Amino acid sequence: MATVHPFLWFHGNAEQARDFYLSVFPNGRALDTVEFTDHVAGKTVPHAIFDFELEGQRFTALNAGSMPPFNERISLYIESKDQAESDYYWNALTAGGGSEHPCGWLKDRFGVFWQVVPQAAIRLMNDPDRQKADRARQAMYGMKKLILADLAAAHSGRA
Protein backbone atom coordinates (compact mmCIF):
# COMPACT_ATOMS: atom_id res chain seq x y z
CA MET A 1 0.00 0.00 0.00
CA ALA A 2 1.33 3.42 -0.94
CA THR A 3 1.87 6.08 1.70
CA VAL A 4 1.75 9.84 1.41
CA HIS A 5 3.64 12.22 3.64
CA PRO A 6 5.06 15.77 3.47
CA PHE A 7 8.54 16.22 2.00
CA LEU A 8 9.98 19.60 3.00
CA TRP A 9 13.01 21.12 1.25
CA PHE A 10 15.15 23.33 3.49
CA HIS A 11 18.19 25.39 2.57
CA GLY A 12 20.86 24.22 4.99
CA ASN A 13 18.77 23.95 8.16
CA ALA A 14 16.63 20.81 7.83
CA GLU A 15 18.16 19.21 10.90
CA GLN A 16 17.46 22.33 12.99
CA ALA A 17 13.89 22.43 11.67
CA ARG A 18 13.37 18.76 12.51
CA ASP A 19 14.76 19.25 16.01
CA PHE A 20 12.56 22.31 16.52
CA TYR A 21 9.41 20.42 15.47
CA LEU A 22 10.36 17.50 17.72
CA SER A 23 10.65 19.94 20.63
CA VAL A 24 7.18 21.40 19.92
CA PHE A 25 5.17 18.21 19.42
CA PRO A 26 5.02 15.93 22.46
CA ASN A 27 4.51 12.81 20.34
CA GLY A 28 7.38 13.33 17.94
CA ARG A 29 10.36 11.15 17.21
CA ALA A 30 13.37 11.17 14.93
CA LEU A 31 13.52 8.36 12.41
CA ASP A 32 16.25 7.81 9.80
CA THR A 33 18.95 10.21 8.68
CA VAL A 34 20.77 9.76 5.38
CA GLU A 35 23.72 11.93 4.36
CA PHE A 36 25.07 11.95 0.81
CA THR A 37 26.75 14.16 -1.78
CA ASP A 38 25.71 14.98 -5.31
CA HIS A 39 27.85 16.25 -8.11
CA VAL A 40 26.03 19.08 -9.80
CA ALA A 41 27.53 21.33 -12.48
CA GLY A 42 31.05 20.28 -11.50
CA LYS A 43 30.49 20.92 -7.77
CA THR A 44 30.21 18.50 -4.88
CA VAL A 45 27.04 19.37 -2.97
CA PRO A 46 26.35 17.84 0.48
CA HIS A 47 22.78 16.80 1.26
CA ALA A 48 21.01 15.15 4.16
CA ILE A 49 17.56 13.66 4.54
CA PHE A 50 15.92 13.60 7.96
CA ASP A 51 12.83 11.44 8.47
CA PHE A 52 10.77 12.16 11.55
CA GLU A 53 7.29 11.70 12.92
CA LEU A 54 4.94 14.22 14.57
CA GLU A 55 1.76 12.95 16.21
CA GLY A 56 1.90 9.78 14.09
CA GLN A 57 2.47 11.62 10.77
CA ARG A 58 5.75 10.95 8.97
CA PHE A 59 7.72 13.85 7.47
CA THR A 60 10.87 14.00 5.39
CA ALA A 61 13.14 17.06 5.53
CA LEU A 62 15.79 17.53 2.86
CA ASN A 63 18.86 19.63 3.55
CA ALA A 64 19.88 20.88 0.13
CA GLY A 65 20.48 23.94 -1.96
CA SER A 66 18.39 27.00 -2.50
CA MET A 67 14.84 26.68 -3.79
CA PRO A 68 11.86 29.02 -3.82
CA PRO A 69 10.59 29.63 -0.28
CA PHE A 70 7.60 27.87 1.21
CA ASN A 71 4.34 29.75 0.75
CA GLU A 72 0.72 29.66 1.85
CA ARG A 73 -0.35 27.43 -1.03
CA ILE A 74 0.45 24.47 1.19
CA SER A 75 0.38 24.46 4.96
CA LEU A 76 0.46 22.03 7.83
CA TYR A 77 -2.86 21.94 9.68
CA ILE A 78 -3.19 21.46 13.44
CA GLU A 79 -6.71 20.75 14.67
CA SER A 80 -6.41 21.45 18.38
CA LYS A 81 -8.73 20.17 21.09
CA ASP A 82 -9.25 23.57 22.79
CA GLN A 83 -7.98 27.13 23.16
CA ALA A 84 -5.16 26.13 25.52
CA GLU A 85 -3.78 23.65 23.01
CA SER A 86 -4.15 26.21 20.20
CA ASP A 87 -2.28 28.78 22.27
CA TYR A 88 0.52 26.28 22.98
CA TYR A 89 1.10 25.44 19.30
CA TRP A 90 0.64 29.04 18.15
CA ASN A 91 3.15 30.39 20.67
CA ALA A 92 5.66 27.57 20.12
CA LEU A 93 5.59 27.76 16.32
CA THR A 94 5.82 31.57 16.15
CA ALA A 95 8.66 31.70 18.71
CA GLY A 96 12.13 32.67 17.60
CA GLY A 97 11.21 34.53 14.43
CA GLY A 98 7.89 33.12 13.25
CA SER A 99 5.12 35.43 12.11
CA GLU A 100 1.35 35.62 12.53
CA HIS A 101 -0.94 35.66 9.50
CA PRO A 102 -4.72 36.12 9.14
CA CYS A 103 -7.34 33.46 9.86
CA GLY A 104 -5.32 31.16 12.11
CA TRP A 105 -2.28 30.89 9.83
CA LEU A 106 1.31 31.39 10.88
CA LYS A 107 4.77 31.00 9.42
CA ASP A 108 7.42 29.42 11.62
CA ARG A 109 11.05 30.57 11.73
CA PHE A 110 11.93 28.06 8.99
CA GLY A 111 9.35 29.51 6.60
CA VAL A 112 6.84 26.64 6.85
CA PHE A 113 3.18 27.71 6.99
CA TRP A 114 0.81 26.23 9.57
CA GLN A 115 -2.85 26.60 10.44
CA VAL A 116 -3.88 26.22 14.09
CA VAL A 117 -7.63 25.70 14.45
CA PRO A 118 -9.55 24.62 17.56
CA GLN A 119 -12.09 21.84 16.87
CA ALA A 120 -14.90 23.97 18.29
CA ALA A 121 -14.14 26.73 15.76
CA ILE A 122 -14.75 24.26 12.94
CA ARG A 123 -18.11 23.35 14.44
CA LEU A 124 -19.09 27.02 14.82
CA MET A 125 -18.20 27.85 11.22
CA ASN A 126 -20.02 24.77 9.93
CA ASP A 127 -23.22 25.34 11.91
CA PRO A 128 -26.29 24.41 9.83
CA ASP A 129 -27.69 27.83 10.79
CA ARG A 130 -25.89 29.77 8.03
CA GLN A 131 -26.29 33.14 9.79
CA LYS A 132 -24.49 31.88 12.90
CA ALA A 133 -21.80 30.19 10.81
CA ASP A 134 -21.31 33.32 8.71
CA ARG A 135 -20.94 35.52 11.83
CA ALA A 136 -18.27 33.17 13.19
CA ARG A 137 -16.46 33.09 9.85
CA GLN A 138 -16.56 36.90 9.53
CA ALA A 139 -15.07 37.17 13.03
CA MET A 140 -12.31 34.75 11.99
CA TYR A 141 -11.41 36.99 9.04
CA GLY A 142 -10.48 39.73 11.50
CA MET A 143 -8.19 37.51 13.61
CA LYS A 144 -4.70 36.19 13.34
CA LYS A 145 -4.60 33.61 16.17
CA LEU A 146 -8.11 32.19 16.46
CA ILE A 147 -9.74 33.07 19.77
CA LEU A 148 -12.51 30.60 20.46
CA ALA A 149 -14.39 32.84 22.92
CA ASP A 150 -14.56 35.63 20.33
CA LEU A 151 -15.71 33.20 17.62
CA ALA A 152 -18.41 31.84 19.95
CA ALA A 153 -19.57 35.37 20.80
CA ALA A 154 -19.85 36.24 17.12
CA HIS A 155 -21.62 32.95 16.40
CA SER A 156 -24.23 33.67 19.06
CA GLY A 157 -24.67 37.28 17.95
CA ARG A 158 -23.14 38.74 21.14
CA ALA A 159 -20.16 40.32 19.38
C-alpha atoms as a PDB file:
ATOM      1  CA  MET A   1       0.000   0.000   0.000  1.00  0.00           C
ATOM      2  CA  ALA A   2       1.333   3.415  -0.944  1.00  0.00           C
ATOM      3  CA  THR A   3       1.875   6.076   1.701  1.00  0.00           C
ATOM      4  CA  VAL A   4       1.746   9.840   1.406  1.00  0.00           C
ATOM      5  CA  HIS A   5       3.643  12.225   3.644  1.00  0.00           C
ATOM      6  CA  PRO A   6       5.058  15.771   3.471  1.00  0.00           C
ATOM      7  CA  PHE A   7       8.540  16.221   2.000  1.00  0.00           C
ATOM      8  CA  LEU A   8       9.976  19.603   2.998  1.00  0.00           C
ATOM      9  CA  TRP A   9      13.012  21.122   1.251  1.00  0.00           C
ATOM     10  CA  PHE A  10      15.155  23.327   3.486  1.00  0.00           C
ATOM     11  CA  HIS A  11      18.187  25.392   2.569  1.00  0.00           C
ATOM     12  CA  GLY A  12      20.861  24.222   4.993  1.00  0.00           C
ATOM     13  CA  ASN A  13      18.771  23.949   8.161  1.00  0.00           C
ATOM     14  CA  ALA A  14      16.627  20.807   7.826  1.00  0.00           C
ATOM     15  CA  GLU A  15      18.156  19.210  10.902  1.00  0.00           C
ATOM     16  CA  GLN A  16      17.463  22.325  12.989  1.00  0.00           C
ATOM     17  CA  ALA A  17      13.885  22.435  11.674  1.00  0.00           C
ATOM     18  CA  ARG A  18      13.373  18.764  12.511  1.00  0.00           C
ATOM     19  CA  ASP A  19      14.765  19.253  16.012  1.00  0.00           C
ATOM     20  CA  PHE A  20      12.556  22.311  16.523  1.00  0.00           C
ATOM     21  CA  TYR A  21       9.407  20.421  15.468  1.00  0.00           C
ATOM     22  CA  LEU A  22      10.359  17.496  17.724  1.00  0.00           C
ATOM     23  CA  SER A  23      10.652  19.943  20.632  1.00  0.00           C
ATOM     24  CA  VAL A  24       7.182  21.402  19.921  1.00  0.00           C
ATOM     25  CA  PHE A  25       5.171  18.210  19.421  1.00  0.00           C
ATOM     26  CA  PRO A  26       5.020  15.925  22.464  1.00  0.00           C
ATOM     27  CA  ASN A  27       4.508  12.809  20.342  1.00  0.00           C
ATOM     28  CA  GLY A  28       7.379  13.327  17.941  1.00  0.00           C
ATOM     29  CA  ARG A  29      10.364  11.150  17.206  1.00  0.00           C
ATOM     30  CA  ALA A  30      13.372  11.166  14.925  1.00  0.00           C
ATOM     31  CA  LEU A  31      13.521   8.357  12.406  1.00  0.00           C
ATOM     32  CA  ASP A  32      16.247   7.808   9.803  1.00  0.00           C
ATOM     33  CA  THR A  33      18.953  10.213   8.677  1.00  0.00           C
ATOM     34  CA  VAL A  34      20.772   9.762   5.381  1.00  0.00           C
ATOM     35  CA  GLU A  35      23.717  11.931   4.355  1.00  0.00           C
ATOM     36  CA  PHE A  36      25.072  11.949   0.805  1.00  0.00           C
ATOM     37  CA  THR A  37      26.749  14.158  -1.775  1.00  0.00           C
ATOM     38  CA  ASP A  38      25.708  14.980  -5.314  1.00  0.00           C
ATOM     39  CA  HIS A  39      27.850  16.247  -8.114  1.00  0.00           C
ATOM     40  CA  VAL A  40      26.027  19.082  -9.797  1.00  0.00           C
ATOM     41  CA  ALA A  41      27.533  21.330 -12.475  1.00  0.00           C
ATOM     42  CA  GLY A  42      31.050  20.283 -11.498  1.00  0.00           C
ATOM     43  CA  LYS A  43      30.488  20.921  -7.770  1.00  0.00           C
ATOM     44  CA  THR A  44      30.214  18.499  -4.875  1.00  0.00           C
ATOM     45  CA  VAL A  45      27.042  19.368  -2.970  1.00  0.00           C
ATOM     46  CA  PRO A  46      26.353  17.840   0.476  1.00  0.00           C
ATOM     47  CA  HIS A  47      22.779  16.796   1.258  1.00  0.00           C
ATOM     48  CA  ALA A  48      21.006  15.153   4.160  1.00  0.00           C
ATOM     49  CA  ILE A  49      17.557  13.655   4.537  1.00  0.00           C
ATOM     50  CA  PHE A  50      15.916  13.597   7.958  1.00  0.00           C
ATOM     51  CA  ASP A  51      12.833  11.442   8.468  1.00  0.00           C
ATOM     52  CA  PHE A  52      10.771  12.159  11.555  1.00  0.00           C
ATOM     53  CA  GLU A  53       7.289  11.701  12.919  1.00  0.00           C
ATOM     54  CA  LEU A  54       4.942  14.216  14.567  1.00  0.00           C
ATOM     55  CA  GLU A  55       1.758  12.950  16.210  1.00  0.00           C
ATOM     56  CA  GLY A  56       1.905   9.783  14.091  1.00  0.00           C
ATOM     57  CA  GLN A  57       2.471  11.620  10.773  1.00  0.00           C
ATOM     58  CA  ARG A  58       5.745  10.945   8.970  1.00  0.00           C
ATOM     59  CA  PHE A  59       7.718  13.849   7.469  1.00  0.00           C
ATOM     60  CA  THR A  60      10.866  14.005   5.388  1.00  0.00           C
ATOM     61  CA  ALA A  61      13.136  17.059   5.532  1.00  0.00           C
ATOM     62  CA  LEU A  62      15.794  17.530   2.858  1.00  0.00           C
ATOM     63  CA  ASN A  63      18.861  19.629   3.554  1.00  0.00           C
ATOM     64  CA  ALA A  64      19.877  20.879   0.133  1.00  0.00           C
ATOM     65  CA  GLY A  65      20.485  23.941  -1.961  1.00  0.00           C
ATOM     66  CA  SER A  66      18.393  27.004  -2.498  1.00  0.00           C
ATOM     67  CA  MET A  67      14.844  26.676  -3.793  1.00  0.00           C
ATOM     68  CA  PRO A  68      11.855  29.020  -3.821  1.00  0.00           C
ATOM     69  CA  PRO A  69      10.588  29.631  -0.278  1.00  0.00           C
ATOM     70  CA  PHE A  70       7.601  27.874   1.212  1.00  0.00           C
ATOM     71  CA  ASN A  71       4.336  29.753   0.751  1.00  0.00           C
ATOM     72  CA  GLU A  72       0.716  29.659   1.854  1.00  0.00           C
ATOM     73  CA  ARG A  73      -0.345  27.431  -1.032  1.00  0.00           C
ATOM     74  CA  ILE A  74       0.452  24.472   1.189  1.00  0.00           C
ATOM     75  CA  SER A  75       0.383  24.463   4.961  1.00  0.00           C
ATOM     76  CA  LEU A  76       0.456  22.029   7.833  1.00  0.00           C
ATOM     77  CA  TYR A  77      -2.861  21.939   9.683  1.00  0.00           C
ATOM     78  CA  ILE A  78      -3.195  21.464  13.436  1.00  0.00           C
ATOM     79  CA  GLU A  79      -6.707  20.754  14.670  1.00  0.00           C
ATOM     80  CA  SER A  80      -6.405  21.454  18.381  1.00  0.00           C
ATOM     81  CA  LYS A  81      -8.733  20.174  21.090  1.00  0.00           C
ATOM     82  CA  ASP A  82      -9.253  23.567  22.786  1.00  0.00           C
ATOM     83  CA  GLN A  83      -7.982  27.132  23.164  1.00  0.00           C
ATOM     84  CA  ALA A  84      -5.164  26.133  25.521  1.00  0.00           C
ATOM     85  CA  GLU A  85      -3.775  23.645  23.010  1.00  0.00           C
ATOM     86  CA  SER A  86      -4.152  26.209  20.204  1.00  0.00           C
ATOM     87  CA  ASP A  87      -2.277  28.777  22.270  1.00  0.00           C
ATOM     88  CA  TYR A  88       0.518  26.285  22.976  1.00  0.00           C
ATOM     89  CA  TYR A  89       1.099  25.444  19.295  1.00  0.00           C
ATOM     90  CA  TRP A  90       0.641  29.042  18.148  1.00  0.00           C
ATOM     91  CA  ASN A  91       3.152  30.388  20.673  1.00  0.00           C
ATOM     92  CA  ALA A  92       5.656  27.567  20.117  1.00  0.00           C
ATOM     93  CA  LEU A  93       5.589  27.762  16.325  1.00  0.00           C
ATOM     94  CA  THR A  94       5.821  31.569  16.146  1.00  0.00           C
ATOM     95  CA  ALA A  95       8.661  31.699  18.710  1.00  0.00           C
ATOM     96  CA  GLY A  96      12.131  32.671  17.601  1.00  0.00           C
ATOM     97  CA  GLY A  97      11.214  34.531  14.429  1.00  0.00           C
ATOM     98  CA  GLY A  98       7.892  33.117  13.246  1.00  0.00           C
ATOM     99  CA  SER A  99       5.120  35.430  12.111  1.00  0.00           C
ATOM    100  CA  GLU A 100       1.354  35.623  12.532  1.00  0.00           C
ATOM    101  CA  HIS A 101      -0.936  35.659   9.504  1.00  0.00           C
ATOM    102  CA  PRO A 102      -4.716  36.120   9.144  1.00  0.00           C
ATOM    103  CA  CYS A 103      -7.345  33.464   9.864  1.00  0.00           C
ATOM    104  CA  GLY A 104      -5.319  31.160  12.112  1.00  0.00           C
ATOM    105  CA  TRP A 105      -2.284  30.891   9.834  1.00  0.00           C
ATOM    106  CA  LEU A 106       1.310  31.386  10.881  1.00  0.00           C
ATOM    107  CA  LYS A 107       4.769  30.996   9.415  1.00  0.00           C
ATOM    108  CA  ASP A 108       7.422  29.416  11.617  1.00  0.00           C
ATOM    109  CA  ARG A 109      11.048  30.568  11.734  1.00  0.00           C
ATOM    110  CA  PHE A 110      11.932  28.063   8.992  1.00  0.00           C
ATOM    111  CA  GLY A 111       9.351  29.511   6.601  1.00  0.00           C
ATOM    112  CA  VAL A 112       6.841  26.645   6.849  1.00  0.00           C
ATOM    113  CA  PHE A 113       3.184  27.707   6.991  1.00  0.00           C
ATOM    114  CA  TRP A 114       0.815  26.232   9.569  1.00  0.00           C
ATOM    115  CA  GLN A 115      -2.855  26.602  10.442  1.00  0.00           C
ATOM    116  CA  VAL A 116      -3.877  26.224  14.088  1.00  0.00           C
ATOM    117  CA  VAL A 117      -7.628  25.697  14.447  1.00  0.00           C
ATOM    118  CA  PRO A 118      -9.553  24.620  17.563  1.00  0.00           C
ATOM    119  CA  GLN A 119     -12.086  21.840  16.870  1.00  0.00           C
ATOM    120  CA  ALA A 120     -14.903  23.969  18.291  1.00  0.00           C
ATOM    121  CA  ALA A 121     -14.144  26.730  15.755  1.00  0.00           C
ATOM    122  CA  ILE A 122     -14.745  24.264  12.940  1.00  0.00           C
ATOM    123  CA  ARG A 123     -18.110  23.349  14.438  1.00  0.00           C
ATOM    124  CA  LEU A 124     -19.092  27.016  14.821  1.00  0.00           C
ATOM    125  CA  MET A 125     -18.196  27.849  11.224  1.00  0.00           C
ATOM    126  CA  ASN A 126     -20.021  24.766   9.933  1.00  0.00           C
ATOM    127  CA  ASP A 127     -23.217  25.343  11.907  1.00  0.00           C
ATOM    128  CA  PRO A 128     -26.285  24.412   9.829  1.00  0.00           C
ATOM    129  CA  ASP A 129     -27.690  27.835  10.793  1.00  0.00           C
ATOM    130  CA  ARG A 130     -25.894  29.774   8.028  1.00  0.00           C
ATOM    131  CA  GLN A 131     -26.287  33.142   9.786  1.00  0.00           C
ATOM    132  CA  LYS A 132     -24.492  31.875  12.895  1.00  0.00           C
ATOM    133  CA  ALA A 133     -21.802  30.186  10.812  1.00  0.00           C
ATOM    134  CA  ASP A 134     -21.314  33.322   8.713  1.00  0.00           C
ATOM    135  CA  ARG A 135     -20.943  35.520  11.826  1.00  0.00           C
ATOM    136  CA  ALA A 136     -18.271  33.168  13.189  1.00  0.00           C
ATOM    137  CA  ARG A 137     -16.462  33.085   9.846  1.00  0.00           C
ATOM    138  CA  GLN A 138     -16.563  36.898   9.534  1.00  0.00           C
ATOM    139  CA  ALA A 139     -15.073  37.168  13.033  1.00  0.00           C
ATOM    140  CA  MET A 140     -12.307  34.751  11.991  1.00  0.00           C
ATOM    141  CA  TYR A 141     -11.408  36.989   9.038  1.00  0.00           C
ATOM    142  CA  GLY A 142     -10.479  39.734  11.503  1.00  0.00           C
ATOM    143  CA  MET A 143      -8.193  37.510  13.606  1.00  0.00           C
ATOM    144  CA  LYS A 144      -4.698  36.187  13.343  1.00  0.00           C
ATOM    145  CA  LYS A 145      -4.597  33.615  16.165  1.00  0.00           C
ATOM    146  CA  LEU A 146      -8.109  32.192  16.459  1.00  0.00           C
ATOM    147  CA  ILE A 147      -9.735  33.074  19.774  1.00  0.00           C
ATOM    148  CA  LEU A 148     -12.510  30.597  20.463  1.00  0.00           C
ATOM    149  CA  ALA A 149     -14.386  32.838  22.925  1.00  0.00           C
ATOM    150  CA  ASP A 150     -14.561  35.626  20.326  1.00  0.00           C
ATOM    151  CA  LEU A 151     -15.715  33.202  17.618  1.00  0.00           C
ATOM    152  CA  ALA A 152     -18.409  31.838  19.953  1.00  0.00           C
ATOM    153  CA  ALA A 153     -19.568  35.369  20.801  1.00  0.00           C
ATOM    154  CA  ALA A 154     -19.855  36.242  17.119  1.00  0.00           C
ATOM    155  CA  HIS A 155     -21.622  32.949  16.402  1.00  0.00           C
ATOM    156  CA  SER A 156     -24.227  33.671  19.063  1.00  0.00           C
ATOM    157  CA  GLY A 157     -24.667  37.281  17.947  1.00  0.00           C
ATOM    158  CA  ARG A 158     -23.137  38.742  21.140  1.00  0.00           C
ATOM    159  CA  ALA A 159     -20.160  40.320  19.381  1.00  0.00           C
END
